[in-house]
Protein backbone atom coordinates (compact mmCIF):
# COMPACT_ATOMS: atom_id res chain seq x y z
CA UNK A 1 18.36 36.04 45.24
CA UNK A 2 20.11 36.32 48.61
CA UNK A 3 18.50 36.78 51.91
CA UNK A 4 18.87 39.70 54.18
CA UNK A 5 22.12 40.45 55.60
CA UNK A 6 23.01 40.00 59.34
CA UNK A 7 22.78 43.74 59.81
CA UNK A 8 19.33 43.95 58.27
CA UNK A 9 18.28 41.06 60.39
CA UNK A 10 19.51 43.06 63.28
CA UNK A 11 17.53 46.07 62.32
CA UNK A 12 14.43 44.01 62.20
CA UNK A 13 15.26 42.21 65.59
CA UNK A 14 15.73 45.58 67.45
CA UNK A 15 13.01 47.80 65.39
CA UNK A 16 10.37 47.51 67.88
CA UNK A 17 12.66 49.00 70.80
CA UNK A 18 14.04 51.63 68.19
CA UNK A 19 10.40 52.66 66.84
CA UNK A 20 9.41 52.98 70.38
CA UNK A 21 12.35 55.20 71.30
CA UNK A 22 11.59 57.13 68.05
CA UNK A 23 7.93 57.65 68.82
CA UNK A 24 8.63 58.70 72.39
CA UNK A 25 11.80 61.07 71.64
CA UNK A 26 10.13 62.67 68.67
CA UNK A 27 10.09 66.44 68.91
CA UNK A 28 12.29 66.58 71.97
CA UNK A 29 15.15 68.90 71.79
CA UNK A 30 18.40 69.49 73.76
CA UNK A 31 17.89 73.33 73.12
CA UNK A 32 15.05 73.32 75.84
CA UNK A 33 16.68 70.57 78.11
CA UNK A 34 14.50 71.23 81.37
CA UNK A 35 13.72 68.81 84.00
CA UNK A 36 10.36 68.05 82.43
CA UNK A 37 12.27 67.15 79.12
CA UNK A 38 14.81 65.23 80.98
CA UNK A 39 11.94 63.24 82.67
CA UNK A 40 10.34 62.54 79.30
CA UNK A 41 13.65 61.17 77.87
CA UNK A 42 14.23 59.01 80.80
CA UNK A 43 10.63 57.52 80.72
CA UNK A 44 10.93 57.03 76.92
CA UNK A 45 14.14 54.88 77.58
CA UNK A 46 12.61 52.87 80.42
CA UNK A 47 9.39 52.25 78.22
CA UNK A 48 11.73 50.73 75.39
CA UNK A 49 12.86 48.14 77.90
CA UNK A 50 16.50 49.61 78.26
CA UNK A 51 16.15 49.42 82.00
CA UNK A 52 16.09 52.29 84.80
CA UNK A 53 19.83 52.19 85.31
CA UNK A 54 20.78 52.87 81.60
CA UNK A 55 18.09 55.43 81.41
CA UNK A 56 19.30 57.23 84.50
CA UNK A 57 22.76 57.35 83.02
CA UNK A 58 21.56 58.75 79.71
CA UNK A 59 19.73 61.30 81.77
CA UNK A 60 22.80 62.19 83.63
CA UNK A 61 25.01 62.46 80.54
CA UNK A 62 22.28 64.97 78.99
CA UNK A 63 21.95 66.94 82.26
CA UNK A 64 25.78 67.62 82.20
CA UNK A 65 25.29 69.80 79.30
CA UNK A 66 28.39 69.03 77.58
CA UNK A 67 27.47 69.11 73.92
CA UNK A 68 26.08 71.53 71.43
CA UNK A 69 23.00 73.25 72.79
CA UNK A 70 21.51 73.27 69.12
CA UNK A 71 21.68 69.44 68.89
CA UNK A 72 18.19 67.86 68.13
CA UNK A 73 17.08 64.25 68.31
CA UNK A 74 20.03 62.86 66.55
CA UNK A 75 22.12 64.07 69.36
CA UNK A 76 20.09 62.54 72.15
CA UNK A 77 20.13 59.16 70.10
CA UNK A 78 24.02 59.33 69.77
CA UNK A 79 24.47 59.74 73.42
CA UNK A 80 21.80 56.83 73.95
CA UNK A 81 23.83 54.64 71.63
CA UNK A 82 27.21 55.53 73.62
CA UNK A 83 25.73 54.62 76.86
CA UNK A 84 24.20 51.47 75.60
CA UNK A 85 27.40 50.38 74.06
CA UNK A 86 29.19 50.88 77.64
CA UNK A 87 26.82 48.50 79.05
CA UNK A 88 27.01 45.87 76.14
CA UNK A 89 30.80 45.87 75.50
CA UNK A 90 31.79 44.09 78.52
CA UNK A 91 29.31 41.34 78.19
CA UNK A 92 29.58 40.53 74.34
CA UNK A 93 31.61 37.46 74.94
CA UNK A 94 31.35 34.39 72.73
CA UNK A 95 31.66 30.90 74.43
CA UNK A 96 35.36 29.81 74.45
CA UNK A 97 36.24 26.29 74.29
CA UNK A 98 39.17 25.83 76.71
CA UNK A 99 38.41 22.84 78.90
CA UNK A 100 41.00 20.19 79.50
CA UNK A 101 40.61 17.36 79.79
CA UNK A 102 37.80 17.22 77.16
CA UNK A 103 34.69 17.37 76.69
CA UNK A 104 33.58 20.98 77.68
CA UNK A 105 30.30 20.46 78.93
CA UNK A 106 27.80 23.13 78.28
CA UNK A 107 24.51 22.70 80.41
CA UNK A 108 21.59 24.60 78.42
CA UNK A 109 18.63 25.73 80.37
CA UNK A 110 15.37 27.77 79.70
CA UNK A 111 11.77 27.71 79.92
CA UNK A 112 9.93 25.50 77.45
CA UNK A 113 9.19 27.75 74.26
CA UNK A 114 12.03 29.91 74.73
CA UNK A 115 13.95 28.36 71.53
CA UNK A 116 16.31 26.22 73.78
CA UNK A 117 16.53 23.12 71.49
CA UNK A 118 16.77 24.97 68.42
CA UNK A 119 19.57 27.18 70.03
CA UNK A 120 21.51 24.03 70.77
CA UNK A 121 21.49 23.01 67.29
CA UNK A 122 22.48 26.39 66.07
CA UNK A 123 25.37 26.42 68.67
CA UNK A 124 26.36 22.97 67.63
CA UNK A 125 26.53 24.05 63.98
CA UNK A 126 28.57 27.00 65.08
CA UNK A 127 31.29 24.98 66.83
CA UNK A 128 31.35 22.16 64.17
CA UNK A 129 32.07 24.97 61.63
CA UNK A 130 35.04 26.06 64.04
CA UNK A 131 36.30 22.41 63.59
CA UNK A 132 35.23 21.33 67.17
CA UNK A 133 33.77 17.88 67.50
CA UNK A 134 30.27 18.12 68.99
CA UNK A 135 28.05 15.65 70.98
CA UNK A 136 24.50 16.63 72.11
CA UNK A 137 22.50 15.08 74.98
CA UNK A 138 18.64 15.20 75.00
CA UNK A 139 18.35 15.74 78.67
CA UNK A 140 14.93 17.15 78.38
CA UNK A 141 13.03 13.84 78.96
CA UNK A 142 9.83 15.28 79.79
CA UNK A 143 8.88 16.43 76.46
CA UNK A 144 8.97 13.77 73.47
CA UNK A 145 8.88 16.60 71.09
CA UNK A 146 12.24 18.13 72.37
CA UNK A 147 13.91 14.66 72.12
CA UNK A 148 12.66 14.27 68.55
CA UNK A 149 13.60 17.76 67.62
CA UNK A 150 16.97 17.34 68.79
CA UNK A 151 17.48 14.22 67.18
CA UNK A 152 16.38 15.73 63.75
CA UNK A 153 18.83 18.60 64.18
CA UNK A 154 21.75 16.19 65.18
CA UNK A 155 21.16 14.28 61.97
CA UNK A 156 21.06 17.28 59.82
CA UNK A 157 24.19 18.87 61.37
CA UNK A 158 25.85 15.40 61.46
CA UNK A 159 26.76 15.36 65.11
CA UNK A 160 26.13 12.27 67.39
CA UNK A 161 23.31 12.36 70.11
CA UNK A 162 22.44 10.61 73.26
CA UNK A 163 18.94 10.36 74.07
CA UNK A 164 16.41 7.96 75.75
CA UNK A 165 12.60 7.51 75.90
CA UNK A 166 10.31 10.09 77.17
CA UNK A 167 10.05 10.17 80.82
CA UNK A 168 13.48 8.72 81.31
CA UNK A 169 16.06 9.53 83.82
CA UNK A 170 17.77 12.87 82.55
CA UNK A 171 20.85 12.18 84.91
CA UNK A 172 21.36 8.70 83.48
CA UNK A 173 21.44 10.03 79.86
CA UNK A 174 23.88 12.80 80.76
CA UNK A 175 26.06 10.29 82.46
CA UNK A 176 25.98 8.18 79.44
CA UNK A 177 26.74 11.06 77.30
CA UNK A 178 29.72 12.42 79.25
CA UNK A 179 31.05 8.83 79.40
CA UNK A 180 30.81 8.31 75.66
CA UNK A 181 32.21 11.88 74.85
CA UNK A 182 35.14 11.23 77.09
CA UNK A 183 35.95 7.92 75.56
CA UNK A 184 35.95 9.37 71.96
CA UNK A 185 37.63 12.42 72.89
CA UNK A 186 34.76 14.84 71.73
CA UNK A 187 35.55 18.55 72.28
CA UNK A 188 32.08 19.66 73.40
CA UNK A 189 29.16 18.22 75.01
CA UNK A 190 25.89 20.26 74.84
CA UNK A 191 23.10 19.19 77.19
CA UNK A 192 19.75 19.70 76.86
CA UNK A 193 17.53 20.20 80.11
CA UNK A 194 14.00 20.34 81.11
CA UNK A 195 12.32 23.65 81.06
CA UNK A 196 9.51 23.44 83.70
CA UNK A 197 9.37 26.54 85.96
CA UNK A 198 5.98 25.67 87.27
CA UNK A 199 7.55 23.56 90.09
CA UNK A 200 10.72 25.30 90.85
CA UNK A 201 11.67 22.90 93.51
CA UNK A 202 11.47 19.82 91.34
CA UNK A 203 13.45 21.49 88.48
CA UNK A 204 15.93 22.58 91.21
CA UNK A 205 16.43 18.90 92.34
CA UNK A 206 16.76 17.63 88.71
CA UNK A 207 19.32 20.10 87.73
CA UNK A 208 21.18 19.30 91.14
CA UNK A 209 21.05 15.67 90.22
CA UNK A 210 22.59 16.32 86.57
CA UNK A 211 25.28 18.29 88.15
CA UNK A 212 26.23 15.65 90.63
CA UNK A 213 26.42 13.14 88.13
CA UNK A 214 28.57 15.44 85.69
CA UNK A 215 30.70 16.08 88.70
CA UNK A 216 31.46 12.48 89.34
CA UNK A 217 32.81 11.95 85.77
CA UNK A 218 34.38 15.35 85.30
CA UNK A 219 34.81 17.54 88.45
CA UNK A 220 34.91 20.62 86.41
CA UNK A 221 31.59 20.15 84.78
CA UNK A 222 29.39 21.81 83.67
CA UNK A 223 31.88 24.27 82.44
CA UNK A 224 29.21 26.48 81.26
CA UNK A 225 25.34 26.92 82.29
CA UNK A 226 23.90 28.89 79.52
CA UNK A 227 20.32 30.31 79.88
CA UNK A 228 18.35 30.93 76.65
CA UNK A 229 16.02 33.90 77.00
CA UNK A 230 13.10 34.49 74.40
CA UNK A 231 13.27 38.33 73.60
CA UNK A 232 9.71 38.62 72.74
CA UNK A 233 8.83 38.21 76.58
CA UNK A 234 10.37 41.60 77.46
CA UNK A 235 10.88 42.13 81.14
CA UNK A 236 9.84 38.73 81.94
CA UNK A 237 13.12 37.55 80.56
CA UNK A 238 14.86 39.46 83.82
CA UNK A 239 12.46 37.38 85.92
CA UNK A 240 13.86 34.21 84.45
CA UNK A 241 17.35 35.08 84.86
CA UNK A 242 16.61 35.73 88.51
CA UNK A 243 14.90 32.29 88.94
CA UNK A 244 17.69 30.36 86.97
CA UNK A 245 20.39 31.81 88.62
CA UNK A 246 19.19 30.56 91.78
CA UNK A 247 18.21 27.22 90.44
CA UNK A 248 21.32 26.58 88.28
CA UNK A 249 24.08 29.07 88.73
CA UNK A 250 23.84 30.69 85.22
CA UNK A 251 27.22 31.50 83.87
CA UNK A 252 26.08 33.22 80.42
CA UNK A 253 23.02 34.04 78.26
CA UNK A 254 21.80 33.71 74.70
CA UNK A 255 18.91 35.80 73.45
CA UNK A 256 16.66 34.32 70.88
CA UNK A 257 13.72 35.37 68.83
CA UNK A 258 14.95 38.78 68.02
CA UNK A 259 12.63 39.38 65.16
CA UNK A 260 10.05 42.34 64.37
CA UNK A 261 8.01 41.37 67.53
CA UNK A 262 10.87 41.27 69.93
CA UNK A 263 11.43 43.76 72.77
CA UNK A 264 15.22 43.73 72.08
CA UNK A 265 15.99 46.49 74.50
CA UNK A 266 15.67 43.83 77.28
CA UNK A 267 19.17 42.91 76.27
CA UNK A 268 20.42 46.01 77.66
CA UNK A 269 18.52 45.75 80.84
CA UNK A 270 19.66 42.13 81.45
CA UNK A 271 23.33 43.38 80.52
CA UNK A 272 22.94 46.32 83.06
CA UNK A 273 21.29 44.33 85.77
CA UNK A 274 23.33 40.99 85.78
CA UNK A 275 26.46 41.58 84.00
CA UNK A 276 26.48 38.05 82.67
CA UNK A 277 28.29 37.14 79.37
CA UNK A 278 25.93 37.37 76.41
CA UNK A 279 27.41 34.70 74.28
CA UNK A 280 25.12 35.23 71.21
CA UNK A 281 21.97 36.45 69.77
CA UNK A 282 19.30 34.69 67.56
CA UNK A 283 17.68 36.75 64.70
CA UNK A 284 15.81 33.98 62.71
CA UNK A 285 15.10 30.43 62.40
CA UNK A 286 17.89 29.31 60.06
CA UNK A 287 20.80 27.23 61.54
CA UNK A 288 23.31 30.15 60.99
CA UNK A 289 21.00 32.88 62.46
CA UNK A 290 22.76 32.81 65.83
CA UNK A 291 25.80 34.77 66.31
CA UNK A 292 28.05 36.85 68.61
CA UNK A 293 27.45 40.76 68.36
CA UNK A 294 29.14 43.80 68.06
CA UNK A 295 28.17 46.14 70.86
CA UNK A 296 28.58 49.36 69.05
CA UNK A 297 26.53 48.05 66.11
CA UNK A 298 23.68 46.92 68.30
CA UNK A 299 23.71 50.16 70.32
CA UNK A 300 23.36 52.33 67.21
CA UNK A 301 20.74 50.13 65.98
CA UNK A 302 18.82 50.26 69.35
CA UNK A 303 19.22 54.12 69.44
CA UNK A 304 18.15 54.37 65.73
CA UNK A 305 21.33 56.48 64.88
CA UNK A 306 21.92 55.43 61.35
CA UNK A 307 18.15 55.56 60.41
CA UNK A 308 17.63 58.90 61.62
CA UNK A 309 20.92 60.29 60.14
CA UNK A 310 19.96 58.82 56.73
CA UNK A 311 16.27 60.12 57.17
């Protein structure tokens, strides 16, 4: 028996956001669209983690009154979906492998527990499936578990790994990995990094050292600095973007752990506030559960348009 489709997994990943919207919008009607009702709609959107900017845009659209006066909840949700799609469409951009000379170096960052190491494996598998040669580097030397986990994934996917002992010099491992990847003509080098935010200065110094080492061997590296975010943390994900932008110069995002417990609306809030490319979203533990996304599809799921239309 085949498992759930990608669309079904997306429905599960954004269910908490969609259900919260459904609960908060239930009974509201455009037929009595006064200031108090508009306030309730705006609050419902903010409570669903979509962010104040998107909520304000939806409110403004509804206040214009350019719609059928007898439209009910479905009409509100269609407008929500349209506004969410406008926010997501510019940022739904897969990673492009364009660097020359090779390798393209992708530095993957994120707090411990965000799903960073698993995301690296999924990303590597995705690139291998696209016929790119890939190498991974275990630059998170502070956690033996991270090194072991990445090694297991590398063996499973069939890609080479450069790693060292726990507590080793991360910059030295990265140096060795870039050197080796360059020598053998690897297309993509994905580098895991430490995710300790407890001491921001220490993390900043380490990432700066890694960047210096990369720059010596390949002045354009790192070509991408991808921040992995855990969707179950809701608004805390926005704080992490703020910190890592300062610490590491984030160029793109991956949102993971979009499951039934996720507060998936934060994807919209992140897109609205920062405008960074969102390269992929993760909806499960399997190696192929990380993909780019269709902004229109995700927007309709978040707004619950299809579900309400069917019901």
